[in-house]
All heavy atoms as atom14 arrays in JSON, in Angstrom:
{
  "sequence": "QIVWSPIAQGVLTGKYLPGQPPPAGSRATDSTGGNFISR",
  "atom14_mask": [
    [1, 1, 1, 1, 1, 1, 1, 1, 1, 0, 0, 0, 0, 0],
    [1, 1, 1, 1, 1, 1, 1, 1, 0, 0, 0, 0, 0, 0],
    [1, 1, 1, 1, 1, 1, 1, 0, 0, 0, 0, 0, 0, 0],
    [1, 1, 1, 1, 1, 1, 1, 1, 1, 1, 1, 1, 1, 1],
    [1, 1, 1, 1, 1, 1, 0, 0, 0, 0, 0, 0, 0, 0],
    [1, 1, 1, 1, 1, 1, 1, 0, 0, 0, 0, 0, 0, 0],
    [1, 1, 1, 1, 1, 1, 1, 1, 0, 0, 0, 0, 0, 0],
    [1, 1, 1, 1, 1, 0, 0, 0, 0, 0, 0, 0, 0, 0],
    [1, 1, 1, 1, 1, 1, 1, 1, 1, 0, 0, 0, 0, 0],
    [1, 1, 1, 1, 0, 0, 0, 0, 0, 0, 0, 0, 0, 0],
    [1, 1, 1, 1, 1, 1, 1, 0, 0, 0, 0, 0, 0, 0],
    [1, 1, 1, 1, 1, 1, 1, 1, 0, 0, 0, 0, 0, 0],
    [1, 1, 1, 1, 1, 1, 1, 0, 0, 0, 0, 0, 0, 0],
    [1, 1, 1, 1, 0, 0, 0, 0, 0, 0, 0, 0, 0, 0],
    [1, 1, 1, 1, 1, 1, 1, 1, 1, 0, 0, 0, 0, 0],
    [1, 1, 1, 1, 1, 1, 1, 1, 1, 1, 1, 1, 0, 0],
    [1, 1, 1, 1, 1, 1, 1, 1, 0, 0, 0, 0, 0, 0],
    [1, 1, 1, 1, 1, 1, 1, 0, 0, 0, 0, 0, 0, 0],
    [1, 1, 1, 1, 0, 0, 0, 0, 0, 0, 0, 0, 0, 0],
    [1, 1, 1, 1, 1, 1, 1, 1, 1, 0, 0, 0, 0, 0],
    [1, 1, 1, 1, 1, 1, 1, 0, 0, 0, 0, 0, 0, 0],
    [1, 1, 1, 1, 1, 1, 1, 0, 0, 0, 0, 0, 0, 0],
    [1, 1, 1, 1, 1, 1, 1, 0, 0, 0, 0, 0, 0, 0],
    [1, 1, 1, 1, 1, 0, 0, 0, 0, 0, 0, 0, 0, 0],
    [1, 1, 1, 1, 0, 0, 0, 0, 0, 0, 0, 0, 0, 0],
    [1, 1, 1, 1, 1, 1, 0, 0, 0, 0, 0, 0, 0, 0],
    [1, 1, 1, 1, 1, 1, 1, 1, 1, 1, 1, 0, 0, 0],
    [1, 1, 1, 1, 1, 0, 0, 0, 0, 0, 0, 0, 0, 0],
    [1, 1, 1, 1, 1, 1, 1, 0, 0, 0, 0, 0, 0, 0],
    [1, 1, 1, 1, 1, 1, 1, 1, 0, 0, 0, 0, 0, 0],
    [1, 1, 1, 1, 1, 1, 0, 0, 0, 0, 0, 0, 0, 0],
    [1, 1, 1, 1, 1, 1, 1, 0, 0, 0, 0, 0, 0, 0],
    [1, 1, 1, 1, 0, 0, 0, 0, 0, 0, 0, 0, 0, 0],
    [1, 1, 1, 1, 0, 0, 0, 0, 0, 0, 0, 0, 0, 0],
    [1, 1, 1, 1, 1, 1, 1, 1, 0, 0, 0, 0, 0, 0],
    [1, 1, 1, 1, 1, 1, 1, 1, 1, 1, 1, 0, 0, 0],
    [1, 1, 1, 1, 1, 1, 1, 1, 0, 0, 0, 0, 0, 0],
    [1, 1, 1, 1, 1, 1, 0, 0, 0, 0, 0, 0, 0, 0],
    [1, 1, 1, 1, 1, 1, 1, 1, 1, 1, 1, 0, 0, 0]
  ],
  "atom14_positions": [
    [[-10.44, 37.93, -59.03], [-9.37, 38.88, -59.33], [-9.64, 40.2, -58.61], [-10.77, 40.68, -58.59], [-9.28, 39.15, -60.84], [-9.27, 37.92, -61.71], [-8.18, 36.94, -61.39], [-7.02, 37.33, -61.24], [-8.52, 35.66, -61.28], [0.0, 0.0, 0.0], [0.0, 0.0, 0.0], [0.0, 0.0, 0.0], [0.0, 0.0, 0.0], [0.0, 0.0, 0.0]],
    [[-8.6, 40.72, -57.98], [-8.64, 42.09, -57.43], [-7.66, 42.85, -58.31], [-6.45, 42.69, -58.17], [-8.17, 42.13, -55.97], [-8.95, 41.12, -55.11], [-8.3, 43.53, -55.4], [-8.25, 40.78, -53.82], [0.0, 0.0, 0.0], [0.0, 0.0, 0.0], [0.0, 0.0, 0.0], [0.0, 0.0, 0.0], [0.0, 0.0, 0.0], [0.0, 0.0, 0.0]],
    [[-8.13, 43.64, -59.24], [-7.25, 44.13, -60.31], [-6.64, 45.49, -60.01], [-7.3, 46.37, -59.46], [-7.99, 44.15, -61.66], [-8.53, 42.76, -61.98], [-9.11, 45.16, -61.71], [0.0, 0.0, 0.0], [0.0, 0.0, 0.0], [0.0, 0.0, 0.0], [0.0, 0.0, 0.0], [0.0, 0.0, 0.0], [0.0, 0.0, 0.0], [0.0, 0.0, 0.0]],
    [[-5.37, 45.62, -60.37], [-4.7, 46.9, -60.2], [-4.45, 47.56, -61.56], [-4.45, 46.89, -62.58], [-3.41, 46.77, -59.4], [-2.34, 45.87, -59.94], [-2.21, 44.53, -59.74], [-1.2, 46.26, -60.72], [-1.08, 44.05, -60.36], [-0.44, 45.08, -60.96], [-0.75, 47.47, -61.25], [0.74, 45.09, -61.7], [0.43, 47.48, -61.98], [1.15, 46.31, -62.19]],
    [[-4.3, 48.84, -61.53], [-4.08, 49.66, -62.73], [-5.21, 49.57, -63.75], [-4.96, 49.43, -64.95], [-2.75, 49.28, -63.39], [-2.33, 50.28, -64.28], [0.0, 0.0, 0.0], [0.0, 0.0, 0.0], [0.0, 0.0, 0.0], [0.0, 0.0, 0.0], [0.0, 0.0, 0.0], [0.0, 0.0, 0.0], [0.0, 0.0, 0.0], [0.0, 0.0, 0.0]],
    [[-6.48, 49.66, -63.33], [-7.58, 49.6, -64.3], [-7.59, 50.77, -65.27], [-8.16, 50.65, -66.36], [-8.83, 49.59, -63.42], [-8.41, 50.26, -62.15], [-6.98, 49.84, -61.95], [0.0, 0.0, 0.0], [0.0, 0.0, 0.0], [0.0, 0.0, 0.0], [0.0, 0.0, 0.0], [0.0, 0.0, 0.0], [0.0, 0.0, 0.0], [0.0, 0.0, 0.0]],
    [[-6.98, 51.89, -64.9], [-6.89, 53.01, -65.83], [-5.49, 53.14, -66.42], [-5.11, 54.18, -66.95], [-7.34, 54.35, -65.2], [-6.5, 54.71, -63.99], [-8.81, 54.3, -64.83], [-6.82, 56.09, -63.42], [0.0, 0.0, 0.0], [0.0, 0.0, 0.0], [0.0, 0.0, 0.0], [0.0, 0.0, 0.0], [0.0, 0.0, 0.0], [0.0, 0.0, 0.0]],
    [[-4.72, 52.02, -66.32], [-3.39, 51.96, -66.93], [-2.5, 53.12, -66.48], [-1.91, 53.83, -67.3], [-3.49, 51.9, -68.46], [0.0, 0.0, 0.0], [0.0, 0.0, 0.0], [0.0, 0.0, 0.0], [0.0, 0.0, 0.0], [0.0, 0.0, 0.0], [0.0, 0.0, 0.0], [0.0, 0.0, 0.0], [0.0, 0.0, 0.0], [0.0, 0.0, 0.0]],
    [[-2.44, 53.3, -65.16], [-1.62, 54.36, -64.57], [-1.94, 55.74, -65.13], [-1.07, 56.6, -65.23], [-0.12, 54.05, -64.76], [0.31, 52.77, -64.08], [0.11, 52.82, -62.57], [0.73, 53.61, -61.87], [-0.78, 51.98, -62.06], [0.0, 0.0, 0.0], [0.0, 0.0, 0.0], [0.0, 0.0, 0.0], [0.0, 0.0, 0.0], [0.0, 0.0, 0.0]],
    [[-3.2, 55.94, -65.5], [-3.65, 57.25, -65.97], [-3.72, 57.37, -67.48], [-4.31, 58.32, -68.0], [0.0, 0.0, 0.0], [0.0, 0.0, 0.0], [0.0, 0.0, 0.0], [0.0, 0.0, 0.0], [0.0, 0.0, 0.0], [0.0, 0.0, 0.0], [0.0, 0.0, 0.0], [0.0, 0.0, 0.0], [0.0, 0.0, 0.0], [0.0, 0.0, 0.0]],
    [[-3.15, 56.4, -68.22], [-3.16, 56.48, -69.68], [-4.59, 56.49, -70.21], [-4.92, 57.23, -71.14], [-2.36, 55.31, -70.3], [-2.54, 55.27, -71.82], [-0.88, 55.44, -69.94], [0.0, 0.0, 0.0], [0.0, 0.0, 0.0], [0.0, 0.0, 0.0], [0.0, 0.0, 0.0], [0.0, 0.0, 0.0], [0.0, 0.0, 0.0], [0.0, 0.0, 0.0]],
    [[-5.47, 55.69, -69.58], [-6.85, 55.6, -70.06], [-7.73, 56.77, -69.64], [-8.91, 56.81, -69.99], [-7.47, 54.28, -69.61], [-6.94, 53.04, -70.36], [-7.41, 51.75, -69.7], [-7.36, 53.08, -71.83], [0.0, 0.0, 0.0], [0.0, 0.0, 0.0], [0.0, 0.0, 0.0], [0.0, 0.0, 0.0], [0.0, 0.0, 0.0], [0.0, 0.0, 0.0]],
    [[-7.17, 57.74, -68.93], [-7.94, 58.96, -68.67], [-7.93, 59.88, -69.88], [-8.73, 60.81, -69.96], [-7.36, 59.75, -67.48], [-6.04, 60.23, -67.82], [-7.3, 58.89, -66.22], [0.0, 0.0, 0.0], [0.0, 0.0, 0.0], [0.0, 0.0, 0.0], [0.0, 0.0, 0.0], [0.0, 0.0, 0.0], [0.0, 0.0, 0.0], [0.0, 0.0, 0.0]],
    [[-7.01, 59.63, -70.8], [-6.91, 60.48, -71.98], [-6.08, 61.73, -71.78], [-5.99, 62.56, -72.69], [0.0, 0.0, 0.0], [0.0, 0.0, 0.0], [0.0, 0.0, 0.0], [0.0, 0.0, 0.0], [0.0, 0.0, 0.0], [0.0, 0.0, 0.0], [0.0, 0.0, 0.0], [0.0, 0.0, 0.0], [0.0, 0.0, 0.0], [0.0, 0.0, 0.0]],
    [[-5.44, 61.87, -70.61], [-4.69, 63.11, -70.35], [-3.34, 63.14, -71.06], [-2.74, 64.2, -71.22], [-4.49, 63.31, -68.85], [-3.58, 62.3, -68.17], [-3.52, 62.58, -66.67], [-2.69, 61.53, -65.94], [-2.72, 61.77, -64.47], [0.0, 0.0, 0.0], [0.0, 0.0, 0.0], [0.0, 0.0, 0.0], [0.0, 0.0, 0.0], [0.0, 0.0, 0.0]],
    [[-2.85, 61.97, -71.48], [-1.6, 61.93, -72.24], [-1.93, 62.0, -73.73], [-2.67, 61.16, -74.25], [-0.84, 60.64, -71.93], [-0.43, 60.52, -70.48], [-1.11, 59.67, -69.61], [0.64, 61.26, -69.98], [-0.74, 59.56, -68.28], [1.02, 61.16, -68.65], [0.33, 60.31, -67.8], [0.7, 60.21, -66.48], [0.0, 0.0, 0.0], [0.0, 0.0, 0.0]],
    [[-1.39, 62.99, -74.41], [-1.76, 63.25, -75.81], [-0.63, 62.84, -76.75], [0.56, 63.06, -76.45], [-2.08, 64.73, -75.99], [-3.22, 65.27, -75.12], [-3.36, 66.79, -75.32], [-4.52, 64.56, -75.43], [0.0, 0.0, 0.0], [0.0, 0.0, 0.0], [0.0, 0.0, 0.0], [0.0, 0.0, 0.0], [0.0, 0.0, 0.0], [0.0, 0.0, 0.0]],
    [[-0.97, 62.26, -77.9], [0.07, 61.86, -78.86], [0.86, 63.07, -79.34], [0.31, 64.14, -79.59], [-0.74, 61.23, -80.0], [-2.14, 61.72, -79.84], [-2.34, 61.95, -78.39], [0.0, 0.0, 0.0], [0.0, 0.0, 0.0], [0.0, 0.0, 0.0], [0.0, 0.0, 0.0], [0.0, 0.0, 0.0], [0.0, 0.0, 0.0], [0.0, 0.0, 0.0]],
    [[2.18, 62.86, -79.41], [3.03, 63.92, -79.92], [3.33, 65.04, -78.94], [3.97, 66.02, -79.29], [0.0, 0.0, 0.0], [0.0, 0.0, 0.0], [0.0, 0.0, 0.0], [0.0, 0.0, 0.0], [0.0, 0.0, 0.0], [0.0, 0.0, 0.0], [0.0, 0.0, 0.0], [0.0, 0.0, 0.0], [0.0, 0.0, 0.0], [0.0, 0.0, 0.0]],
    [[2.85, 64.9, -77.69], [3.07, 65.95, -76.68], [3.72, 65.35, -75.44], [3.49, 64.18, -75.11], [1.75, 66.62, -76.31], [1.08, 67.35, -77.46], [-0.13, 68.14, -77.0], [-0.22, 68.57, -75.84], [-1.07, 68.36, -77.91], [0.0, 0.0, 0.0], [0.0, 0.0, 0.0], [0.0, 0.0, 0.0], [0.0, 0.0, 0.0], [0.0, 0.0, 0.0]],
    [[4.52, 66.15, -74.72], [5.14, 65.63, -73.49], [4.08, 65.4, -72.42], [3.01, 66.01, -72.45], [6.11, 66.75, -73.1], [5.55, 67.99, -73.73], [4.92, 67.54, -75.02], [0.0, 0.0, 0.0], [0.0, 0.0, 0.0], [0.0, 0.0, 0.0], [0.0, 0.0, 0.0], [0.0, 0.0, 0.0], [0.0, 0.0, 0.0], [0.0, 0.0, 0.0]],
    [[4.35, 64.5, -71.47], [3.39, 64.26, -70.39], [3.13, 65.53, -69.58], [4.03, 66.37, -69.42], [4.08, 63.21, -69.53], [5.12, 62.59, -70.41], [5.55, 63.67, -71.35], [0.0, 0.0, 0.0], [0.0, 0.0, 0.0], [0.0, 0.0, 0.0], [0.0, 0.0, 0.0], [0.0, 0.0, 0.0], [0.0, 0.0, 0.0], [0.0, 0.0, 0.0]],
    [[1.92, 65.71, -69.08], [1.63, 66.88, -68.25], [2.52, 66.93, -67.02], [2.85, 65.88, -66.45], [0.15, 66.67, -67.86], [-0.39, 65.71, -68.86], [0.75, 64.84, -69.26], [0.0, 0.0, 0.0], [0.0, 0.0, 0.0], [0.0, 0.0, 0.0], [0.0, 0.0, 0.0], [0.0, 0.0, 0.0], [0.0, 0.0, 0.0], [0.0, 0.0, 0.0]],
    [[2.9, 68.12, -66.61], [3.73, 68.28, -65.41], [3.0, 67.71, -64.2], [1.79, 67.91, -64.04], [4.03, 69.76, -65.19], [0.0, 0.0, 0.0], [0.0, 0.0, 0.0], [0.0, 0.0, 0.0], [0.0, 0.0, 0.0], [0.0, 0.0, 0.0], [0.0, 0.0, 0.0], [0.0, 0.0, 0.0], [0.0, 0.0, 0.0], [0.0, 0.0, 0.0]],
    [[3.74, 66.98, -63.38], [3.16, 66.42, -62.16], [2.39, 65.13, -62.38], [1.83, 64.58, -61.42], [0.0, 0.0, 0.0], [0.0, 0.0, 0.0], [0.0, 0.0, 0.0], [0.0, 0.0, 0.0], [0.0, 0.0, 0.0], [0.0, 0.0, 0.0], [0.0, 0.0, 0.0], [0.0, 0.0, 0.0], [0.0, 0.0, 0.0], [0.0, 0.0, 0.0]],
    [[2.34, 64.61, -63.61], [1.6, 63.38, -63.88], [2.44, 62.17, -63.5], [3.65, 62.27, -63.26], [1.22, 63.31, -65.36], [2.38, 63.21, -66.17], [0.0, 0.0, 0.0], [0.0, 0.0, 0.0], [0.0, 0.0, 0.0], [0.0, 0.0, 0.0], [0.0, 0.0, 0.0], [0.0, 0.0, 0.0], [0.0, 0.0, 0.0], [0.0, 0.0, 0.0]],
    [[1.79, 61.0, -63.49], [2.48, 59.77, -63.13], [3.68, 59.51, -64.05], [4.7, 58.98, -63.6], [1.49, 58.59, -63.2], [2.05, 57.23, -62.85], [2.45, 57.11, -61.4], [1.4, 57.46, -60.48], [0.42, 56.64, -60.07], [0.35, 55.41, -60.53], [-0.48, 57.05, -59.19], [0.0, 0.0, 0.0], [0.0, 0.0, 0.0], [0.0, 0.0, 0.0]],
    [[3.57, 59.87, -65.29], [4.65, 59.62, -66.25], [5.92, 60.4, -65.92], [7.01, 60.04, -66.36], [4.19, 59.95, -67.66], [0.0, 0.0, 0.0], [0.0, 0.0, 0.0], [0.0, 0.0, 0.0], [0.0, 0.0, 0.0], [0.0, 0.0, 0.0], [0.0, 0.0, 0.0], [0.0, 0.0, 0.0], [0.0, 0.0, 0.0], [0.0, 0.0, 0.0]],
    [[5.79, 61.49, -65.17], [6.96, 62.29, -64.82], [7.5, 61.94, -63.44], [8.52, 62.48, -63.02], [6.62, 63.8, -64.83], [5.61, 64.07, -63.83], [6.09, 64.22, -66.19], [0.0, 0.0, 0.0], [0.0, 0.0, 0.0], [0.0, 0.0, 0.0], [0.0, 0.0, 0.0], [0.0, 0.0, 0.0], [0.0, 0.0, 0.0], [0.0, 0.0, 0.0]],
    [[6.83, 61.02, -62.74], [7.26, 60.61, -61.41], [8.39, 59.58, -61.52], [8.34, 58.68, -62.35], [6.08, 60.02, -60.63], [6.47, 59.6, -59.23], [6.61, 60.46, -58.35], [6.66, 58.39, -59.02], [0.0, 0.0, 0.0], [0.0, 0.0, 0.0], [0.0, 0.0, 0.0], [0.0, 0.0, 0.0], [0.0, 0.0, 0.0], [0.0, 0.0, 0.0]],
    [[9.38, 59.69, -60.67], [10.54, 58.79, -60.76], [10.16, 57.34, -60.5], [10.81, 56.42, -61.0], [11.62, 59.22, -59.76], [11.11, 59.2, -58.43], [0.0, 0.0, 0.0], [0.0, 0.0, 0.0], [0.0, 0.0, 0.0], [0.0, 0.0, 0.0], [0.0, 0.0, 0.0], [0.0, 0.0, 0.0], [0.0, 0.0, 0.0], [0.0, 0.0, 0.0]],
    [[9.1, 57.11, -59.7], [8.68, 55.75, -59.39], [7.76, 55.2, -60.46], [7.92, 54.07, -60.92], [7.96, 55.7, -58.03], [8.8, 56.3, -57.04], [7.66, 54.27, -57.63], [0.0, 0.0, 0.0], [0.0, 0.0, 0.0], [0.0, 0.0, 0.0], [0.0, 0.0, 0.0], [0.0, 0.0, 0.0], [0.0, 0.0, 0.0], [0.0, 0.0, 0.0]],
    [[6.77, 55.98, -60.85], [5.77, 55.47, -61.78], [6.1, 55.64, -63.24], [5.54, 54.96, -64.1], [0.0, 0.0, 0.0], [0.0, 0.0, 0.0], [0.0, 0.0, 0.0], [0.0, 0.0, 0.0], [0.0, 0.0, 0.0], [0.0, 0.0, 0.0], [0.0, 0.0, 0.0], [0.0, 0.0, 0.0], [0.0, 0.0, 0.0], [0.0, 0.0, 0.0]],
    [[7.04, 56.54, -63.56], [7.32, 56.85, -64.94], [7.8, 55.66, -65.75], [7.38, 55.46, -66.9], [0.0, 0.0, 0.0], [0.0, 0.0, 0.0], [0.0, 0.0, 0.0], [0.0, 0.0, 0.0], [0.0, 0.0, 0.0], [0.0, 0.0, 0.0], [0.0, 0.0, 0.0], [0.0, 0.0, 0.0], [0.0, 0.0, 0.0], [0.0, 0.0, 0.0]],
    [[8.7, 54.87, -65.18], [9.22, 53.72, -65.91], [8.13, 52.71, -66.23], [8.14, 52.06, -67.27], [10.33, 53.04, -65.1], [11.57, 53.9, -65.0], [11.8, 54.74, -65.85], [12.35, 53.69, -63.95], [0.0, 0.0, 0.0], [0.0, 0.0, 0.0], [0.0, 0.0, 0.0], [0.0, 0.0, 0.0], [0.0, 0.0, 0.0], [0.0, 0.0, 0.0]],
    [[7.17, 52.59, -65.32], [6.13, 51.59, -65.48], [5.23, 51.89, -66.68], [4.84, 50.99, -67.41], [5.29, 51.51, -64.2], [4.19, 50.5, -64.26], [4.45, 49.15, -64.08], [2.89, 50.88, -64.54], [3.43, 48.22, -64.17], [1.87, 49.96, -64.63], [2.15, 48.61, -64.43], [0.0, 0.0, 0.0], [0.0, 0.0, 0.0], [0.0, 0.0, 0.0]],
    [[4.89, 53.15, -66.89], [3.93, 53.46, -67.94], [4.57, 53.89, -69.25], [3.88, 54.1, -70.25], [2.92, 54.54, -67.51], [3.58, 55.92, -67.38], [2.23, 54.16, -66.24], [2.57, 57.02, -67.23], [0.0, 0.0, 0.0], [0.0, 0.0, 0.0], [0.0, 0.0, 0.0], [0.0, 0.0, 0.0], [0.0, 0.0, 0.0], [0.0, 0.0, 0.0]],
    [[5.89, 53.98, -69.28], [6.56, 54.49, -70.47], [6.25, 53.65, -71.71], [6.13, 54.18, -72.82], [8.07, 54.55, -70.26], [8.59, 53.26, -69.96], [0.0, 0.0, 0.0], [0.0, 0.0, 0.0], [0.0, 0.0, 0.0], [0.0, 0.0, 0.0], [0.0, 0.0, 0.0], [0.0, 0.0, 0.0], [0.0, 0.0, 0.0], [0.0, 0.0, 0.0]],
    [[6.06, 52.33, -71.52], [5.79, 51.46, -72.67], [4.42, 51.74, -73.3], [4.15, 51.31, -74.41], [5.87, 49.99, -72.24], [4.91, 49.64, -71.12], [5.05, 48.18, -70.7], [4.38, 47.9, -69.46], [3.09, 47.79, -69.29], [2.29, 47.96, -70.33], [2.56, 47.54, -68.11], [0.0, 0.0, 0.0], [0.0, 0.0, 0.0], [0.0, 0.0, 0.0]]
  ]
}
């Protein structure tokens, strides 16, 4: 296996906090990557 998204598009860095909006400029706010990690 050559695995992609080992940090779950940044979710596993801990930078996304419960109850708070995603940090400005993060993958979650990007038009391409945002849909992928929203779940």
